[in-house]
Amino acid sequence: MDSLQKQIHDTEEKLKKTVDSTVRDFSEIRTGRANPGIVEGVMVECYDTHMPLKQVATISVPEPRLVVIQPWDAGNLSAIERAILKSELGINPVNDGKIIRISIPTLTKERIDELKKILHKIAEQGRVSIRTVRRDAMAAVDKLESSKQITEDAKFKGHDEVQKLTEKYTKKIDELLVNKEKELV
């Protein structure tokens, strides 16, 4: 693999990570539907340490507006409940002694508008990250040409490939945004 192809490959890996980060950020936004992602990252204090909820319990979605959390160790039930209440999710867990149920309320029109603004902000952060990766990749390709590792034609070909990757991954973020907005019902 020559230096230009390595640069293109590295650029694509960085772009994939940017899209993955945007997907993670989107999953933390509570829509009108139940989703395990909204509670997976809640930090629970158990076993004298802080652990993500997904490491101490099974999280399932048996109904469109219900999240069920079943701890692997029943002794952690109250710690999980406290962690969810302390989180800024604005949801109330119901503890029945064996499992925790979280009912996801229907969103109001105002809340949907707020969430759309947040989603657009997250998407724009993803696009900015993609443009930063593009700028760095273009500079790296220019550097390869100035150090005589590649020809001028190869530089233009490299710029073209970087631009195509940029457009491809920007389109993915736009598609993610559209799909996430559809969930706001």
C-alpha atoms as a PDB file:
ATOM      1  CA  MET A   1       0.000   0.000   0.000  1.00  0.00           C
ATOM      2  CA  ASP A   2       1.601   3.267  -1.081  1.00  0.00           C
ATOM      3  CA  SER A   3       1.554   6.382   1.071  1.00  0.00           C
ATOM      4  CA  LEU A   4      -1.432   7.963  -0.739  1.00  0.00           C
ATOM      5  CA  GLN A   5      -3.621   4.865  -0.366  1.00  0.00           C
ATOM      6  CA  LYS A   6      -2.632   4.636   3.304  1.00  0.00           C
ATOM      7  CA  GLN A   7      -3.657   8.278   3.773  1.00  0.00           C
ATOM      8  CA  ILE A   8      -7.014   7.656   2.042  1.00  0.00           C
ATOM      9  CA  HIS A   9      -7.597   4.552   4.182  1.00  0.00           C
ATOM     10  CA  ASP A  10      -6.745   6.440   7.404  1.00  0.00           C
ATOM     11  CA  THR A  11      -9.075   9.254   6.361  1.00  0.00           C
ATOM     12  CA  GLU A  12     -11.947   6.825   5.808  1.00  0.00           C
ATOM     13  CA  GLU A  13     -11.367   5.235   9.228  1.00  0.00           C
ATOM     14  CA  LYS A  14     -11.526   8.666  10.881  1.00  0.00           C
ATOM     15  CA  LEU A  15     -14.730   9.478   8.988  1.00  0.00           C
ATOM     16  CA  LYS A  16     -16.302   6.186  10.123  1.00  0.00           C
ATOM     17  CA  LYS A  17     -15.430   7.021  13.733  1.00  0.00           C
ATOM     18  CA  THR A  18     -17.019  10.458  13.334  1.00  0.00           C
ATOM     19  CA  VAL A  19     -20.261   8.907  12.054  1.00  0.00           C
ATOM     20  CA  ASP A  20     -20.187   6.316  14.877  1.00  0.00           C
ATOM     21  CA  SER A  21     -19.803   9.131  17.402  1.00  0.00           C
ATOM     22  CA  THR A  22     -22.784  10.938  15.888  1.00  0.00           C
ATOM     23  CA  VAL A  23     -24.841   7.718  16.063  1.00  0.00           C
ATOM     24  CA  ARG A  24     -23.951   7.395  19.769  1.00  0.00           C
ATOM     25  CA  ASP A  25     -24.926  11.008  20.418  1.00  0.00           C
ATOM     26  CA  PHE A  26     -28.233  10.505  18.581  1.00  0.00           C
ATOM     27  CA  SER A  27     -28.997   7.350  20.590  1.00  0.00           C
ATOM     28  CA  GLU A  28     -28.842   9.337  23.826  1.00  0.00           C
ATOM     29  CA  ILE A  29     -31.671  11.611  22.674  1.00  0.00           C
ATOM     30  CA  ARG A  30     -34.971  10.398  24.075  1.00  0.00           C
ATOM     31  CA  THR A  31     -37.625  10.181  21.405  1.00  0.00           C
ATOM     32  CA  GLY A  32     -41.247   9.162  21.812  1.00  0.00           C
ATOM     33  CA  ARG A  33     -40.232   5.519  21.603  1.00  0.00           C
ATOM     34  CA  ALA A  34     -38.511   3.345  24.165  1.00  0.00           C
ATOM     35  CA  ASN A  35     -34.869   2.641  23.355  1.00  0.00           C
ATOM     36  CA  PRO A  36     -32.276   0.848  25.515  1.00  0.00           C
ATOM     37  CA  GLY A  37     -29.708   3.464  24.462  1.00  0.00           C
ATOM     38  CA  ILE A  38     -31.307   6.139  26.631  1.00  0.00           C
ATOM     39  CA  VAL A  39     -30.328   4.350  29.866  1.00  0.00           C
ATOM     40  CA  GLU A  40     -27.348   2.154  28.871  1.00  0.00           C
ATOM     41  CA  GLY A  41     -24.808   4.813  29.784  1.00  0.00           C
ATOM     42  CA  VAL A  42     -26.318   5.779  33.149  1.00  0.00           C
ATOM     43  CA  MET A  43     -23.570   5.300  35.734  1.00  0.00           C
ATOM     44  CA  VAL A  44     -24.614   3.060  38.632  1.00  0.00           C
ATOM     45  CA  GLU A  45     -22.702   2.977  41.919  1.00  0.00           C
ATOM     46  CA  CYS A  46     -22.285  -0.674  42.869  1.00  0.00           C
ATOM     47  CA  TYR A  47     -19.490  -2.933  44.080  1.00  0.00           C
ATOM     48  CA  ASP A  48     -17.647   0.179  45.362  1.00  0.00           C
ATOM     49  CA  THR A  49     -17.287   1.582  41.836  1.00  0.00           C
ATOM     50  CA  HIS A  50     -19.264   3.349  39.133  1.00  0.00           C
ATOM     51  CA  MET A  51     -20.358   1.172  36.209  1.00  0.00           C
ATOM     52  CA  PRO A  52     -22.554   1.771  33.153  1.00  0.00           C
ATOM     53  CA  LEU A  53     -26.051   0.339  33.602  1.00  0.00           C
ATOM     54  CA  LYS A  54     -25.580  -2.056  30.681  1.00  0.00           C
ATOM     55  CA  GLN A  55     -22.800  -3.774  32.689  1.00  0.00           C
ATOM     56  CA  VAL A  56     -25.003  -4.535  35.702  1.00  0.00           C
ATOM     57  CA  ALA A  57     -28.390  -5.318  34.169  1.00  0.00           C
ATOM     58  CA  THR A  58     -30.290  -6.579  31.156  1.00  0.00           C
ATOM     59  CA  ILE A  59     -32.132  -3.786  29.370  1.00  0.00           C
ATOM     60  CA  SER A  60     -35.071  -4.698  27.148  1.00  0.00           C
ATOM     61  CA  VAL A  61     -37.920  -2.990  25.322  1.00  0.00           C
ATOM     62  CA  PRO A  62     -40.979  -5.275  25.435  1.00  0.00           C
ATOM     63  CA  GLU A  63     -43.370  -2.527  24.266  1.00  0.00           C
ATOM     64  CA  PRO A  64     -42.870   0.655  22.193  1.00  0.00           C
ATOM     65  CA  ARG A  65     -43.112   2.936  25.245  1.00  0.00           C
ATOM     66  CA  LEU A  66     -41.626   0.705  27.968  1.00  0.00           C
ATOM     67  CA  VAL A  67     -38.034  -0.030  29.008  1.00  0.00           C
ATOM     68  CA  VAL A  68     -37.492  -2.919  31.426  1.00  0.00           C
ATOM     69  CA  ILE A  69     -34.284  -3.210  33.455  1.00  0.00           C
ATOM     70  CA  GLN A  70     -33.514  -6.492  35.172  1.00  0.00           C
ATOM     71  CA  PRO A  71     -30.359  -6.396  37.333  1.00  0.00           C
ATOM     72  CA  TRP A  72     -28.148  -9.474  37.369  1.00  0.00           C
ATOM     73  CA  ASP A  73     -27.774  -9.007  41.123  1.00  0.00           C
ATOM     74  CA  ALA A  74     -31.053  -8.053  42.872  1.00  0.00           C
ATOM     75  CA  GLY A  75     -29.005  -6.167  45.490  1.00  0.00           C
ATOM     76  CA  ASN A  76     -28.261  -3.499  42.875  1.00  0.00           C
ATOM     77  CA  LEU A  77     -31.930  -2.690  42.238  1.00  0.00           C
ATOM     78  CA  SER A  78     -32.082   0.381  44.480  1.00  0.00           C
ATOM     79  CA  ALA A  79     -28.681   1.636  43.238  1.00  0.00           C
ATOM     80  CA  ILE A  80     -29.957   1.419  39.655  1.00  0.00           C
ATOM     81  CA  GLU A  81     -33.153   3.252  40.595  1.00  0.00           C
ATOM     82  CA  ARG A  82     -31.151   6.035  42.326  1.00  0.00           C
ATOM     83  CA  ALA A  83     -28.826   6.380  39.326  1.00  0.00           C
ATOM     84  CA  ILE A  84     -31.750   6.763  36.915  1.00  0.00           C
ATOM     85  CA  LEU A  85     -33.407   9.354  39.164  1.00  0.00           C
ATOM     86  CA  LYS A  86     -30.104  11.297  39.455  1.00  0.00           C
ATOM     87  CA  SER A  87     -29.539  11.251  35.692  1.00  0.00           C
ATOM     88  CA  GLU A  88     -30.879  14.173  33.705  1.00  0.00           C
ATOM     89  CA  LEU A  89     -33.149  11.988  31.589  1.00  0.00           C
ATOM     90  CA  GLY A  90     -36.351  13.243  33.159  1.00  0.00           C
ATOM     91  CA  ILE A  91     -37.830   9.753  33.543  1.00  0.00           C
ATOM     92  CA  ASN A  92     -39.289   8.055  36.607  1.00  0.00           C
ATOM     93  CA  PRO A  93     -38.404   4.419  37.226  1.00  0.00           C
ATOM     94  CA  VAL A  94     -40.924   2.076  38.850  1.00  0.00           C
ATOM     95  CA  ASN A  95     -39.275  -0.524  41.094  1.00  0.00           C
ATOM     96  CA  ASP A  96     -41.385  -3.624  41.823  1.00  0.00           C
ATOM     97  CA  GLY A  97     -38.700  -5.414  43.852  1.00  0.00           C
ATOM     98  CA  LYS A  98     -37.450  -7.583  40.958  1.00  0.00           C
ATOM     99  CA  ILE A  99     -37.262  -5.316  37.922  1.00  0.00           C
ATOM    100  CA  ILE A 100     -37.433  -1.635  37.083  1.00  0.00           C
ATOM    101  CA  ARG A 101     -39.925  -0.387  34.526  1.00  0.00           C
ATOM    102  CA  ILE A 102     -39.597   2.953  32.795  1.00  0.00           C
ATOM    103  CA  SER A 103     -42.608   4.241  30.922  1.00  0.00           C
ATOM    104  CA  ILE A 104     -41.708   6.688  28.157  1.00  0.00           C
ATOM    105  CA  PRO A 105     -44.289   9.500  28.015  1.00  0.00           C
ATOM    106  CA  THR A 106     -45.626  10.911  24.764  1.00  0.00           C
ATOM    107  CA  LEU A 107     -43.700  13.995  23.671  1.00  0.00           C
ATOM    108  CA  THR A 108     -45.336  17.408  23.523  1.00  0.00           C
ATOM    109  CA  LYS A 109     -45.090  19.600  20.412  1.00  0.00           C
ATOM    110  CA  GLU A 110     -42.712  21.979  22.230  1.00  0.00           C
ATOM    111  CA  ARG A 111     -40.461  19.110  23.350  1.00  0.00           C
ATOM    112  CA  ILE A 112     -40.359  17.691  19.814  1.00  0.00           C
ATOM    113  CA  ASP A 113     -39.241  21.106  18.509  1.00  0.00           C
ATOM    114  CA  GLU A 114     -36.551  21.308  21.232  1.00  0.00           C
ATOM    115  CA  LEU A 115     -35.306  17.811  20.394  1.00  0.00           C
ATOM    116  CA  LYS A 116     -35.170  18.632  16.670  1.00  0.00           C
ATOM    117  CA  LYS A 117     -32.936  21.604  17.444  1.00  0.00           C
ATOM    118  CA  ILE A 118     -30.674  19.378  19.544  1.00  0.00           C
ATOM    119  CA  LEU A 119     -30.555  16.760  16.772  1.00  0.00           C
ATOM    120  CA  HIS A 120     -29.617  19.393  14.188  1.00  0.00           C
ATOM    121  CA  LYS A 121     -26.873  20.656  16.500  1.00  0.00           C
ATOM    122  CA  ILE A 122     -25.460  17.128  16.924  1.00  0.00           C
ATOM    123  CA  ALA A 123     -25.605  16.558  13.156  1.00  0.00           C
ATOM    124  CA  GLU A 124     -23.798  19.846  12.527  1.00  0.00           C
ATOM    125  CA  GLN A 125     -21.090  18.852  15.031  1.00  0.00           C
ATOM    126  CA  GLY A 126     -20.662  15.639  13.047  1.00  0.00           C
ATOM    127  CA  ARG A 127     -20.416  17.577   9.778  1.00  0.00           C
ATOM    128  CA  VAL A 128     -17.842  19.942  11.294  1.00  0.00           C
ATOM    129  CA  SER A 129     -15.787  16.931  12.423  1.00  0.00           C
ATOM    130  CA  ILE A 130     -15.991  15.500   8.907  1.00  0.00           C
ATOM    131  CA  ARG A 131     -14.817  18.803   7.406  1.00  0.00           C
ATOM    132  CA  THR A 132     -11.927  18.869   9.886  1.00  0.00           C
ATOM    133  CA  VAL A 133     -10.903  15.345   8.846  1.00  0.00           C
ATOM    134  CA  ARG A 134     -11.150  16.445   5.186  1.00  0.00           C
ATOM    135  CA  ARG A 135      -8.974  19.517   5.792  1.00  0.00           C
ATOM    136  CA  ASP A 136      -6.334  17.436   7.586  1.00  0.00           C
ATOM    137  CA  ALA A 137      -6.398  14.776   4.852  1.00  0.00           C
ATOM    138  CA  MET A 138      -6.037  17.364   2.083  1.00  0.00           C
ATOM    139  CA  ALA A 139      -3.070  18.899   3.913  1.00  0.00           C
ATOM    140  CA  ALA A 140      -1.500  15.453   4.332  1.00  0.00           C
ATOM    141  CA  VAL A 141      -1.921  14.725   0.608  1.00  0.00           C
ATOM    142  CA  ASP A 142      -0.347  18.109  -0.231  1.00  0.00           C
ATOM    143  CA  LYS A 143       2.534  17.273   2.092  1.00  0.00           C
ATOM    144  CA  LEU A 144       3.071  13.928   0.334  1.00  0.00           C
ATOM    145  CA  GLU A 145       3.327  15.782  -2.977  1.00  0.00           C
ATOM    146  CA  SER A 146       5.644  18.510  -1.636  1.00  0.00           C
ATOM    147  CA  SER A 147       7.980  15.859  -0.193  1.00  0.00           C
ATOM    148  CA  LYS A 148       8.026  14.165  -3.634  1.00  0.00           C
ATOM    149  CA  GLN A 149       6.420  10.938  -2.342  1.00  0.00           C
ATOM    150  CA  ILE A 150       3.610  11.274  -4.896  1.00  0.00           C
ATOM    151  CA  THR A 151       3.193  13.079  -8.224  1.00  0.00           C
ATOM    152  CA  GLU A 152       1.050  16.141  -8.822  1.00  0.00           C
ATOM    153  CA  ASP A 153      -1.496  13.976 -10.669  1.00  0.00           C
ATOM    154  CA  ALA A 154      -1.649  11.621  -7.694  1.00  0.00           C
ATOM    155  CA  LYS A 155      -2.207  14.644  -5.431  1.00  0.00           C
ATOM    156  CA  PHE A 156      -5.250  15.707  -7.461  1.00  0.00           C
ATOM    157  CA  LYS A 157      -6.509  12.130  -7.509  1.00  0.00           C
ATOM    158  CA  GLY A 158      -6.044  12.002  -3.706  1.00  0.00           C
ATOM    159  CA  HIS A 159      -7.932  15.279  -3.239  1.00  0.00           C
ATOM    160  CA  ASP A 160     -10.756  13.892  -5.378  1.00  0.00           C
ATOM    161  CA  GLU A 161     -10.943  10.662  -3.331  1.00  0.00           C
ATOM    162  CA  VAL A 162     -10.935  12.591  -0.039  1.00  0.00           C
ATOM    163  CA  GLN A 163     -13.750  14.823  -1.336  1.00  0.00           C
ATOM    164  CA  LYS A 164     -15.812  11.792  -2.420  1.00  0.00           C
ATOM    165  CA  LEU A 165     -15.361  10.211   1.034  1.00  0.00           C
ATOM    166  CA  THR A 166     -16.357  13.501   2.659  1.00  0.00           C
ATOM    167  CA  GLU A 167     -19.549  13.680   0.618  1.00  0.00           C
ATOM    168  CA  LYS A 168     -20.356  10.016   1.321  1.00  0.00           C
ATOM    169  CA  TYR A 169     -20.034  10.365   5.098  1.00  0.00           C
ATOM    170  CA  THR A 170     -21.775  13.754   5.211  1.00  0.00           C
ATOM    171  CA  LYS A 171     -24.700  12.120   3.404  1.00  0.00           C
ATOM    172  CA  LYS A 172     -24.723   9.337   6.048  1.00  0.00           C
ATOM    173  CA  ILE A 173     -25.032  11.915   8.834  1.00  0.00           C
ATOM    174  CA  ASP A 174     -27.863  13.644   6.958  1.00  0.00           C
ATOM    175  CA  GLU A 175     -29.660  10.273   6.585  1.00  0.00           C
ATOM    176  CA  LEU A 176     -29.190   9.547  10.306  1.00  0.00           C
ATOM    177  CA  LEU A 177     -30.689  12.945  11.135  1.00  0.00           C
ATOM    178  CA  VAL A 178     -33.738  12.349   8.926  1.00  0.00           C
ATOM    179  CA  ASN A 179     -34.305   8.883  10.450  1.00  0.00           C
ATOM    180  CA  LYS A 180     -33.947  10.171  14.005  1.00  0.00           C
ATOM    181  CA  GLU A 181     -36.395  13.021  13.334  1.00  0.00           C
ATOM    182  CA  LYS A 182     -38.928  10.432  12.130  1.00  0.00           C
ATOM    183  CA  GLU A 183     -38.722   8.769  15.560  1.00  0.00           C
ATOM    184  CA  LEU A 184     -39.947  11.976  17.216  1.00  0.00           C
ATOM    185  CA  VAL A 185     -43.613  11.081  17.258  1.00  0.00           C
END
